[in-house]
Amino acid sequence: QQHHPPVKAFMCGSVSGTCSTLLFQPLDLVKTRLQTLQSTVQSGRVGMMTVLLSVVRTERLLGLWKGVSPSFARTIPGVGIYFSTYYSLKQHFYQDDRPGPLQAVLLGGGARTVAGVLMLPVTVIKTRFECGRYSYASVSGALRSVCQTEGPAALYSGLMPTLLRDVPFSAIYVMFYSQTKAALPTGRKDASPSAPLANFSCGILAGVLASLITQPADVVKTHVQVNSQLRTDHGARGFFRGALPRSLRRTMMAAMAWTVYEQMMAHIGLKS
């Protein structure tokens, strides 16, 4: 009997969140910039590479990691809370059974709801850091400034679009991920040398599907958190702005987070 498995799941989740955030932050920044482009610059089509190069030109290479401190402040506890909630729910309701598709949807959605609500203030700050319109010195300074100028309620702006984006993403992701893994011949053998690669591949497939389904909610979330009044000037196509960098990043981050989490859990002898 292991001591404090949810705490260990939290630690494994936090480590996996740190690795994936550091690697994929530039894609998140580019996605936020694409979604918050002013209509005035919308003369031509602006793509992912255009934004990427313009950030490097005007803000140097490290400019691509702007917002990495609020990203860390969000993902390190956030991914930890997500995985420890996921682990606790799974142990409580399903013990050693492999959850079916519907149970996987409930587990993924439940864990993400808890983490999403707890981490929302930091998510708002992270979005503002990345969009480049606000000059905050630090995460704590930004939290104070928003509370003073817009009131604490602003830190919960975009709660519904955030949950409408993250809860279905996580629910769809965990469902596709667990079902694809169950279908693999190596699905049962988490200790096999090819397990990380198999987990990663299942993660990529699950991530692409989940990203595309939840893309419109992501655009709404970014708009609501950056300017309190929502307008989307670009019709239906505007809802898929930033879809490429977002699905790349969400997919790679989720696949990496789950792979690192499962490897670490296997290493300390806990069944993930």
C-alpha atoms as a PDB file:
ATOM      1  CA  GLN A   1       0.000   0.000   0.000  1.00  0.00           C
ATOM      2  CA  GLN A   2       1.591   3.278  -1.140  1.00  0.00           C
ATOM      3  CA  HIS A   3       1.489   6.387   1.065  1.00  0.00           C
ATOM      4  CA  HIS A   4      -0.376   9.421  -0.302  1.00  0.00           C
ATOM      5  CA  PRO A   5      -0.806   8.310  -3.947  1.00  0.00           C
ATOM      6  CA  PRO A   6      -2.736  11.528  -4.887  1.00  0.00           C
ATOM      7  CA  VAL A   7       0.260  13.589  -3.692  1.00  0.00           C
ATOM      8  CA  LYS A   8       2.565  11.460  -5.842  1.00  0.00           C
ATOM      9  CA  ALA A   9       0.190  11.862  -8.796  1.00  0.00           C
ATOM     10  CA  PHE A  10       0.321  15.646  -8.162  1.00  0.00           C
ATOM     11  CA  MET A  11       4.159  15.593  -8.219  1.00  0.00           C
ATOM     12  CA  CYS A  12       4.282  13.517 -11.415  1.00  0.00           C
ATOM     13  CA  GLY A  13       1.740  15.841 -13.048  1.00  0.00           C
ATOM     14  CA  SER A  14       3.689  18.959 -12.046  1.00  0.00           C
ATOM     15  CA  VAL A  15       6.941  17.622 -13.512  1.00  0.00           C
ATOM     16  CA  SER A  16       5.220  16.686 -16.762  1.00  0.00           C
ATOM     17  CA  GLY A  17       3.550  20.132 -16.873  1.00  0.00           C
ATOM     18  CA  THR A  18       6.911  21.883 -16.445  1.00  0.00           C
ATOM     19  CA  CYS A  19       8.559  20.006 -19.354  1.00  0.00           C
ATOM     20  CA  SER A  20       5.704  20.523 -21.780  1.00  0.00           C
ATOM     21  CA  THR A  21       5.144  24.210 -20.912  1.00  0.00           C
ATOM     22  CA  LEU A  22       8.770  25.149 -21.470  1.00  0.00           C
ATOM     23  CA  LEU A  23       8.884  23.401 -24.835  1.00  0.00           C
ATOM     24  CA  PHE A  24       5.582  24.599 -26.301  1.00  0.00           C
ATOM     25  CA  GLN A  25       5.126  28.121 -24.899  1.00  0.00           C
ATOM     26  CA  PRO A  26       6.021  29.806 -28.258  1.00  0.00           C
ATOM     27  CA  LEU A  27       3.053  28.093 -29.943  1.00  0.00           C
ATOM     28  CA  ASP A  28       0.729  29.386 -27.228  1.00  0.00           C
ATOM     29  CA  LEU A  29       2.024  32.927 -27.635  1.00  0.00           C
ATOM     30  CA  VAL A  30       1.568  32.795 -31.428  1.00  0.00           C
ATOM     31  CA  LYS A  31      -1.978  31.422 -30.997  1.00  0.00           C
ATOM     32  CA  THR A  32      -2.951  34.261 -28.620  1.00  0.00           C
ATOM     33  CA  ARG A  33      -1.459  36.899 -30.961  1.00  0.00           C
ATOM     34  CA  LEU A  34      -3.269  35.436 -33.987  1.00  0.00           C
ATOM     35  CA  GLN A  35      -6.585  35.467 -32.126  1.00  0.00           C
ATOM     36  CA  THR A  36      -6.197  39.035 -30.831  1.00  0.00           C
ATOM     37  CA  LEU A  37      -5.000  40.667 -34.077  1.00  0.00           C
ATOM     38  CA  GLN A  38      -6.720  44.020 -34.536  1.00  0.00           C
ATOM     39  CA  SER A  39      -9.104  44.181 -37.512  1.00  0.00           C
ATOM     40  CA  THR A  40      -7.039  47.088 -38.895  1.00  0.00           C
ATOM     41  CA  VAL A  41      -4.110  44.836 -39.789  1.00  0.00           C
ATOM     42  CA  GLN A  42      -6.420  42.356 -41.455  1.00  0.00           C
ATOM     43  CA  SER A  43      -5.589  43.462 -44.985  1.00  0.00           C
ATOM     44  CA  GLY A  44      -3.902  40.241 -46.001  1.00  0.00           C
ATOM     45  CA  ARG A  45      -3.960  36.745 -44.576  1.00  0.00           C
ATOM     46  CA  VAL A  46      -1.780  36.518 -41.508  1.00  0.00           C
ATOM     47  CA  GLY A  47      -0.535  33.040 -40.723  1.00  0.00           C
ATOM     48  CA  MET A  48       1.363  31.313 -37.954  1.00  0.00           C
ATOM     49  CA  MET A  49       4.823  31.849 -39.477  1.00  0.00           C
ATOM     50  CA  THR A  50       4.170  35.572 -40.139  1.00  0.00           C
ATOM     51  CA  VAL A  51       3.348  36.144 -36.468  1.00  0.00           C
ATOM     52  CA  LEU A  52       6.255  33.961 -35.306  1.00  0.00           C
ATOM     53  CA  LEU A  53       8.794  35.881 -37.410  1.00  0.00           C
ATOM     54  CA  SER A  54       7.374  39.273 -36.467  1.00  0.00           C
ATOM     55  CA  VAL A  55       7.670  38.427 -32.733  1.00  0.00           C
ATOM     56  CA  VAL A  56      11.287  37.305 -33.235  1.00  0.00           C
ATOM     57  CA  ARG A  57      12.034  40.488 -35.224  1.00  0.00           C
ATOM     58  CA  THR A  58      10.507  42.934 -32.752  1.00  0.00           C
ATOM     59  CA  GLU A  59      10.944  41.145 -29.420  1.00  0.00           C
ATOM     60  CA  ARG A  60      13.987  38.897 -30.097  1.00  0.00           C
ATOM     61  CA  LEU A  61      13.885  35.100 -29.874  1.00  0.00           C
ATOM     62  CA  LEU A  62      13.139  35.134 -26.145  1.00  0.00           C
ATOM     63  CA  GLY A  63      10.009  37.188 -26.915  1.00  0.00           C
ATOM     64  CA  LEU A  64       8.430  33.871 -27.925  1.00  0.00           C
ATOM     65  CA  TRP A  65       8.594  32.833 -24.261  1.00  0.00           C
ATOM     66  CA  LYS A  66       6.738  35.952 -23.056  1.00  0.00           C
ATOM     67  CA  GLY A  67       4.072  34.723 -20.669  1.00  0.00           C
ATOM     68  CA  VAL A  68       6.121  31.688 -19.647  1.00  0.00           C
ATOM     69  CA  SER A  69       6.058  32.727 -15.964  1.00  0.00           C
ATOM     70  CA  PRO A  70       2.216  32.842 -15.789  1.00  0.00           C
ATOM     71  CA  SER A  71       2.201  29.667 -17.901  1.00  0.00           C
ATOM     72  CA  PHE A  72       4.347  27.978 -15.253  1.00  0.00           C
ATOM     73  CA  ALA A  73       2.245  29.483 -12.465  1.00  0.00           C
ATOM     74  CA  ARG A  74      -0.748  27.900 -14.187  1.00  0.00           C
ATOM     75  CA  THR A  75       0.510  24.550 -15.475  1.00  0.00           C
ATOM     76  CA  ILE A  76       2.737  23.417 -12.607  1.00  0.00           C
ATOM     77  CA  PRO A  77      -0.036  23.452  -9.988  1.00  0.00           C
ATOM     78  CA  GLY A  78      -2.744  23.086 -12.669  1.00  0.00           C
ATOM     79  CA  VAL A  79      -1.438  19.879 -14.259  1.00  0.00           C
ATOM     80  CA  GLY A  80      -0.661  18.573 -10.760  1.00  0.00           C
ATOM     81  CA  ILE A  81      -4.250  19.266  -9.604  1.00  0.00           C
ATOM     82  CA  TYR A  82      -5.582  17.732 -12.823  1.00  0.00           C
ATOM     83  CA  PHE A  83      -3.679  14.458 -12.499  1.00  0.00           C
ATOM     84  CA  SER A  84      -4.182  14.093  -8.734  1.00  0.00           C
ATOM     85  CA  THR A  85      -7.952  14.711  -9.168  1.00  0.00           C
ATOM     86  CA  TYR A  86      -8.008  12.271 -12.101  1.00  0.00           C
ATOM     87  CA  TYR A  87      -6.125   9.665 -10.068  1.00  0.00           C
ATOM     88  CA  SER A  88      -8.342  10.121  -6.966  1.00  0.00           C
ATOM     89  CA  LEU A  89     -11.590   9.951  -8.984  1.00  0.00           C
ATOM     90  CA  LYS A  90     -10.371   6.878 -10.852  1.00  0.00           C
ATOM     91  CA  GLN A  91      -9.319   5.091  -7.645  1.00  0.00           C
ATOM     92  CA  HIS A  92     -12.533   6.049  -5.881  1.00  0.00           C
ATOM     93  CA  PHE A  93     -14.955   4.985  -8.612  1.00  0.00           C
ATOM     94  CA  TYR A  94     -13.188   2.374 -10.725  1.00  0.00           C
ATOM     95  CA  GLN A  95     -10.368   0.939  -8.562  1.00  0.00           C
ATOM     96  CA  ASP A  96      -8.667  -1.469 -10.942  1.00  0.00           C
ATOM     97  CA  ASP A  97     -11.155  -1.631 -13.793  1.00  0.00           C
ATOM     98  CA  ARG A  98     -10.272  -0.006 -17.065  1.00  0.00           C
ATOM     99  CA  PRO A  99     -12.856   2.806 -17.481  1.00  0.00           C
ATOM    100  CA  GLY A 100     -15.140   2.517 -20.509  1.00  0.00           C
ATOM    101  CA  PRO A 101     -15.684   5.402 -22.975  1.00  0.00           C
ATOM    102  CA  LEU A 102     -18.371   7.128 -20.894  1.00  0.00           C
ATOM    103  CA  GLN A 103     -16.440   6.739 -17.615  1.00  0.00           C
ATOM    104  CA  ALA A 104     -13.332   8.131 -19.348  1.00  0.00           C
ATOM    105  CA  VAL A 105     -15.348  11.183 -20.485  1.00  0.00           C
ATOM    106  CA  LEU A 106     -16.552  11.762 -16.898  1.00  0.00           C
ATOM    107  CA  LEU A 107     -13.082  11.276 -15.392  1.00  0.00           C
ATOM    108  CA  GLY A 108     -11.391  13.632 -17.872  1.00  0.00           C
ATOM    109  CA  GLY A 109     -14.133  16.250 -17.631  1.00  0.00           C
ATOM    110  CA  GLY A 110     -14.351  16.092 -13.825  1.00  0.00           C
ATOM    111  CA  ALA A 111     -10.611  16.443 -13.287  1.00  0.00           C
ATOM    112  CA  ARG A 112     -10.427  19.373 -15.723  1.00  0.00           C
ATOM    113  CA  THR A 113     -13.377  21.195 -14.118  1.00  0.00           C
ATOM    114  CA  VAL A 114     -11.639  21.179 -10.716  1.00  0.00           C
ATOM    115  CA  ALA A 115      -8.284  22.303 -12.153  1.00  0.00           C
ATOM    116  CA  GLY A 116      -9.875  24.851 -14.526  1.00  0.00           C
ATOM    117  CA  VAL A 117     -11.886  26.676 -11.865  1.00  0.00           C
ATOM    118  CA  LEU A 118      -8.981  26.774  -9.391  1.00  0.00           C
ATOM    119  CA  MET A 119      -6.465  28.053 -11.950  1.00  0.00           C
ATOM    120  CA  LEU A 120      -8.676  30.515 -13.875  1.00  0.00           C
ATOM    121  CA  PRO A 121      -7.223  33.772 -12.410  1.00  0.00           C
ATOM    122  CA  VAL A 122      -3.745  32.725 -13.564  1.00  0.00           C
ATOM    123  CA  THR A 123      -5.148  31.755 -16.984  1.00  0.00           C
ATOM    124  CA  VAL A 124      -6.562  35.289 -17.416  1.00  0.00           C
ATOM    125  CA  ILE A 125      -3.162  36.801 -16.521  1.00  0.00           C
ATOM    126  CA  LYS A 126      -1.349  34.400 -18.877  1.00  0.00           C
ATOM    127  CA  THR A 127      -3.604  35.356 -21.817  1.00  0.00           C
ATOM    128  CA  ARG A 128      -2.978  39.057 -21.145  1.00  0.00           C
ATOM    129  CA  PHE A 129       0.787  38.589 -20.866  1.00  0.00           C
ATOM    130  CA  GLU A 130       0.882  36.823 -24.230  1.00  0.00           C
ATOM    131  CA  CYS A 131      -1.334  39.175 -26.210  1.00  0.00           C
ATOM    132  CA  GLY A 132       1.280  41.924 -25.825  1.00  0.00           C
ATOM    133  CA  ARG A 133      -1.215  44.733 -25.045  1.00  0.00           C
ATOM    134  CA  TYR A 134      -0.556  44.860 -21.307  1.00  0.00           C
ATOM    135  CA  SER A 135       2.771  45.659 -19.679  1.00  0.00           C
ATOM    136  CA  TYR A 136       2.702  43.737 -16.411  1.00  0.00           C
ATOM    137  CA  ALA A 137       5.978  43.298 -14.533  1.00  0.00           C
ATOM    138  CA  SER A 138       5.150  40.024 -12.781  1.00  0.00           C
ATOM    139  CA  VAL A 139       2.346  37.539 -12.206  1.00  0.00           C
ATOM    140  CA  SER A 140       1.631  38.844  -8.683  1.00  0.00           C
ATOM    141  CA  GLY A 141       1.806  42.465  -9.925  1.00  0.00           C
ATOM    142  CA  ALA A 142      -0.648  41.621 -12.708  1.00  0.00           C
ATOM    143  CA  LEU A 143      -3.064  39.962 -10.262  1.00  0.00           C
ATOM    144  CA  ARG A 144      -2.946  43.064  -8.038  1.00  0.00           C
ATOM    145  CA  SER A 145      -3.336  45.464 -10.953  1.00  0.00           C
ATOM    146  CA  VAL A 146      -6.390  43.629 -12.362  1.00  0.00           C
ATOM    147  CA  CYS A 147      -8.029  43.495  -8.900  1.00  0.00           C
ATOM    148  CA  GLN A 148      -7.480  47.241  -8.379  1.00  0.00           C
ATOM    149  CA  THR A 149      -8.517  48.478 -11.825  1.00  0.00           C
ATOM    150  CA  GLU A 150     -11.220  46.005 -12.869  1.00  0.00           C
ATOM    151  CA  GLY A 151     -12.206  44.319  -9.611  1.00  0.00           C
ATOM    152  CA  PRO A 152     -11.589  40.691  -8.581  1.00  0.00           C
ATOM    153  CA  ALA A 153     -14.454  39.489 -10.836  1.00  0.00           C
ATOM    154  CA  ALA A 154     -12.249  40.206 -13.894  1.00  0.00           C
ATOM    155  CA  LEU A 155      -9.994  37.349 -12.782  1.00  0.00           C
ATOM    156  CA  TYR A 156     -12.907  35.038 -13.449  1.00  0.00           C
ATOM    157  CA  SER A 157     -13.689  36.517 -16.874  1.00  0.00           C
ATOM    158  CA  GLY A 158     -14.137  33.854 -19.495  1.00  0.00           C
ATOM    159  CA  LEU A 159     -15.038  31.154 -16.942  1.00  0.00           C
ATOM    160  CA  MET A 160     -17.744  29.660 -19.176  1.00  0.00           C
ATOM    161  CA  PRO A 161     -15.749  29.664 -22.458  1.00  0.00           C
ATOM    162  CA  THR A 162     -12.714  28.313 -20.542  1.00  0.00           C
ATOM    163  CA  LEU A 163     -14.756  25.426 -19.123  1.00  0.00           C
ATOM    164  CA  LEU A 164     -16.546  24.935 -22.473  1.00  0.00           C
ATOM    165  CA  ARG A 165     -13.117  24.609 -24.069  1.00  0.00           C
ATOM    166  CA  ASP A 166     -11.168  22.658 -21.445  1.00  0.00           C
ATOM    167  CA  VAL A 167     -13.763  20.268 -20.053  1.00  0.00           C
ATOM    168  CA  PRO A 168     -14.815  18.834 -23.459  1.00  0.00           C
ATOM    169  CA  PHE A 169     -11.135  18.847 -24.569  1.00  0.00           C
ATOM    170  CA  SER A 170     -10.120  16.797 -21.569  1.00  0.00           C
ATOM    171  CA  ALA A 171     -13.198  14.558 -21.713  1.00  0.00           C
ATOM    172  CA  ILE A 172     -12.733  13.809 -25.443  1.00  0.00           C
ATOM    173  CA  TYR A 173      -8.972  13.472 -24.982  1.00  0.00           C
ATOM    174  CA  VAL A 174      -9.150  10.978 -22.098  1.00  0.00           C
ATOM    175  CA  MET A 175     -11.822   8.990 -23.922  1.00  0.00           C
ATOM    176  CA  PHE A 176      -9.876   8.724 -27.211  1.00  0.00           C
ATOM    177  CA  TYR A 177      -6.609   8.206 -25.330  1.00  0.00           C
ATOM    178  CA  SER A 178      -7.829   5.404 -23.068  1.00  0.00           C
ATOM    179  CA  GLN A 179      -9.731   3.666 -25.870  1.00  0.00           C
ATOM    180  CA  THR A 180      -6.822   3.858 -28.350  1.00  0.00           C
ATOM    181  CA  LYS A 181      -4.470   2.570 -25.663  1.00  0.00           C
ATOM    182  CA  ALA A 182      -6.817  -0.295 -24.822  1.00  0.00           C
ATOM    183  CA  ALA A 183      -6.855  -1.266 -28.506  1.00  0.00           C
ATOM    184  CA  LEU A 184      -3.045  -1.451 -28.687  1.00  0.00           C
ATOM    185  CA  PRO A 185      -1.370  -4.837 -28.377  1.00  0.00           C
ATOM    186  CA  THR A 186       1.089  -3.200 -25.926  1.00  0.00           C
ATOM    187  CA  GLY A 187      -1.762  -1.380 -24.146  1.00  0.00           C
ATOM    188  CA  ARG A 188      -1.610  -3.756 -21.200  1.00  0.00           C
ATOM    189  CA  LYS A 189       2.177  -3.629 -20.746  1.00  0.00           C
ATOM    190  CA  ASP A 190       3.014  -0.170 -19.431  1.00  0.00           C
ATOM    191  CA  ALA A 191       6.491  -1.367 -18.517  1.00  0.00           C
ATOM    192  CA  SER A 192       7.499  -2.330 -22.067  1.00  0.00           C
ATOM    193  CA  PRO A 193      10.265  -0.242 -23.708  1.00  0.00           C
ATOM    194  CA  SER A 194       7.891   0.862 -26.476  1.00  0.00           C
ATOM    195  CA  ALA A 195       5.250   2.073 -23.965  1.00  0.00           C
ATOM    196  CA  PRO A 196       6.308   5.776 -24.023  1.00  0.00           C
ATOM    197  CA  LEU A 197       6.161   5.845 -27.837  1.00  0.00           C
ATOM    198  CA  ALA A 198       2.802   4.038 -27.896  1.00  0.00           C
ATOM    199  CA  ASN A 199       1.400   6.407 -25.228  1.00  0.00           C
ATOM    200  CA  PHE A 200       2.718   9.419 -27.137  1.00  0.00           C
ATOM    201  CA  SER A 201       1.157   8.258 -30.420  1.00  0.00           C
ATOM    202  CA  CYS A 202      -2.230   7.640 -28.764  1.00  0.00           C
ATOM    203  CA  GLY A 203      -1.889  11.086 -27.188  1.00  0.00           C
ATOM    204  CA  ILE A 204      -1.232  12.779 -30.548  1.00  0.00           C
ATOM    205  CA  LEU A 205      -4.305  11.181 -32.138  1.00  0.00           C
ATOM    206  CA  ALA A 206      -6.544  12.050 -29.171  1.00  0.00           C
ATOM    207  CA  GLY A 207      -5.172  15.615 -29.044  1.00  0.00           C
ATOM    208  CA  VAL A 208      -5.803  16.462 -32.698  1.00  0.00           C
ATOM    209  CA  LEU A 209      -9.431  15.328 -32.495  1.00  0.00           C
ATOM    210  CA  ALA A 210     -10.084  17.071 -29.179  1.00  0.00           C
ATOM    211  CA  SER A 211      -8.389  20.344 -30.292  1.00  0.00           C
ATOM    212  CA  LEU A 212     -10.410  20.768 -33.438  1.00  0.00           C
ATOM    213  CA  ILE A 213     -13.723  20.075 -31.696  1.00  0.00           C
ATOM    214  CA  THR A 214     -13.055  22.712 -29.009  1.00  0.00           C
ATOM    215  CA  GLN A 215     -11.392  25.414 -31.168  1.00  0.00           C
ATOM    216  CA  PRO A 216     -14.325  27.930 -31.340  1.00  0.00           C
ATOM    217  CA  ALA A 217     -14.585  28.060 -27.526  1.00  0.00           C
ATOM    218  CA  ASP A 218     -10.862  28.873 -27.355  1.00  0.00           C
ATOM    219  CA  VAL A 219     -11.248  31.949 -29.589  1.00  0.00           C
ATOM    220  CA  VAL A 220     -14.155  33.218 -27.463  1.00  0.00           C
ATOM    221  CA  LYS A 221     -12.138  32.654 -24.265  1.00  0.00           C
ATOM    222  CA  THR A 222      -9.151  34.657 -25.559  1.00  0.00           C
ATOM    223  CA  HIS A 223     -11.356  37.591 -26.647  1.00  0.00           C
ATOM    224  CA  VAL A 224     -13.302  37.740 -23.387  1.00  0.00           C
ATOM    225  CA  GLN A 225     -10.147  37.641 -21.251  1.00  0.00           C
ATOM    226  CA  VAL A 226      -8.231  40.262 -23.266  1.00  0.00           C
ATOM    227  CA  ASN A 227     -11.036  42.826 -23.724  1.00  0.00           C
ATOM    228  CA  SER A 228     -14.021  42.634 -21.481  1.00  0.00           C
ATOM    229  CA  GLN A 229     -16.409  43.213 -24.419  1.00  0.00           C
ATOM    230  CA  LEU A 230     -16.587  40.384 -26.912  1.00  0.00           C
ATOM    231  CA  ARG A 231     -16.669  41.008 -30.607  1.00  0.00           C
ATOM    232  CA  THR A 232     -15.479  38.630 -33.245  1.00  0.00           C
ATOM    233  CA  ASP A 233     -15.110  40.514 -36.507  1.00  0.00           C
ATOM    234  CA  HIS A 234     -14.319  37.647 -38.770  1.00  0.00           C
ATOM    235  CA  GLY A 235     -17.458  35.567 -39.053  1.00  0.00           C
ATOM    236  CA  ALA A 236     -17.282  31.805 -38.807  1.00  0.00           C
ATOM    237  CA  ARG A 237     -13.700  31.738 -40.081  1.00  0.00           C
ATOM    238  CA  GLY A 238     -12.634  33.870 -37.111  1.00  0.00           C
ATOM    239  CA  PHE A 239     -13.519  30.981 -34.835  1.00  0.00           C
ATOM    240  CA  PHE A 240     -10.759  28.899 -36.365  1.00  0.00           C
ATOM    241  CA  ARG A 241      -8.123  31.570 -36.115  1.00  0.00           C
ATOM    242  CA  GLY A 242      -5.074  30.220 -34.290  1.00  0.00           C
ATOM    243  CA  ALA A 243      -6.298  26.647 -34.836  1.00  0.00           C
ATOM    244  CA  LEU A 244      -2.968  25.393 -36.204  1.00  0.00           C
ATOM    245  CA  PRO A 245      -0.632  26.592 -33.420  1.00  0.00           C
ATOM    246  CA  ARG A 246      -3.245  25.681 -30.834  1.00  0.00           C
ATOM    247  CA  SER A 247      -3.851  22.123 -31.998  1.00  0.00           C
ATOM    248  CA  LEU A 248      -0.084  21.606 -32.444  1.00  0.00           C
ATOM    249  CA  ARG A 249       0.611  22.843 -28.936  1.00  0.00           C
ATOM    250  CA  ARG A 250      -2.376  21.251 -27.173  1.00  0.00           C
ATOM    251  CA  THR A 251      -1.693  17.932 -28.868  1.00  0.00           C
ATOM    252  CA  MET A 252       2.048  17.890 -28.157  1.00  0.00           C
ATOM    253  CA  MET A 253       1.572  19.158 -24.590  1.00  0.00           C
ATOM    254  CA  ALA A 254      -1.159  16.682 -23.734  1.00  0.00           C
ATOM    255  CA  ALA A 255       0.688  13.781 -25.350  1.00  0.00           C
ATOM    256  CA  MET A 256       3.909  14.704 -23.558  1.00  0.00           C
ATOM    257  CA  ALA A 257       2.216  15.376 -20.205  1.00  0.00           C
ATOM    258  CA  TRP A 258       0.429  12.014 -20.237  1.00  0.00           C
ATOM    259  CA  THR A 259       3.540  10.131 -21.394  1.00  0.00           C
ATOM    260  CA  VAL A 260       5.797  11.666 -18.705  1.00  0.00           C
ATOM    261  CA  TYR A 261       3.061  11.217 -16.062  1.00  0.00           C
ATOM    262  CA  GLU A 262       2.499   7.543 -16.901  1.00  0.00           C
ATOM    263  CA  GLN A 263       6.249   6.781 -17.054  1.00  0.00           C
ATOM    264  CA  MET A 264       6.847   8.451 -13.663  1.00  0.00           C
ATOM    265  CA  MET A 265       3.834   6.729 -12.086  1.00  0.00           C
ATOM    266  CA  ALA A 266       5.060   3.371 -13.416  1.00  0.00           C
ATOM    267  CA  HIS A 267       8.541   4.169 -12.090  1.00  0.00           C
ATOM    268  CA  ILE A 268       7.286   4.747  -8.528  1.00  0.00           C
ATOM    269  CA  GLY A 269       5.059   1.677  -8.800  1.00  0.00           C
ATOM    270  CA  LEU A 270       1.613   3.296  -9.031  1.00  0.00           C
ATOM    271  CA  LYS A 271      -0.939   2.238 -11.629  1.00  0.00           C
ATOM    272  CA  SER A 272      -1.909   5.374 -13.589  1.00  0.00           C
END
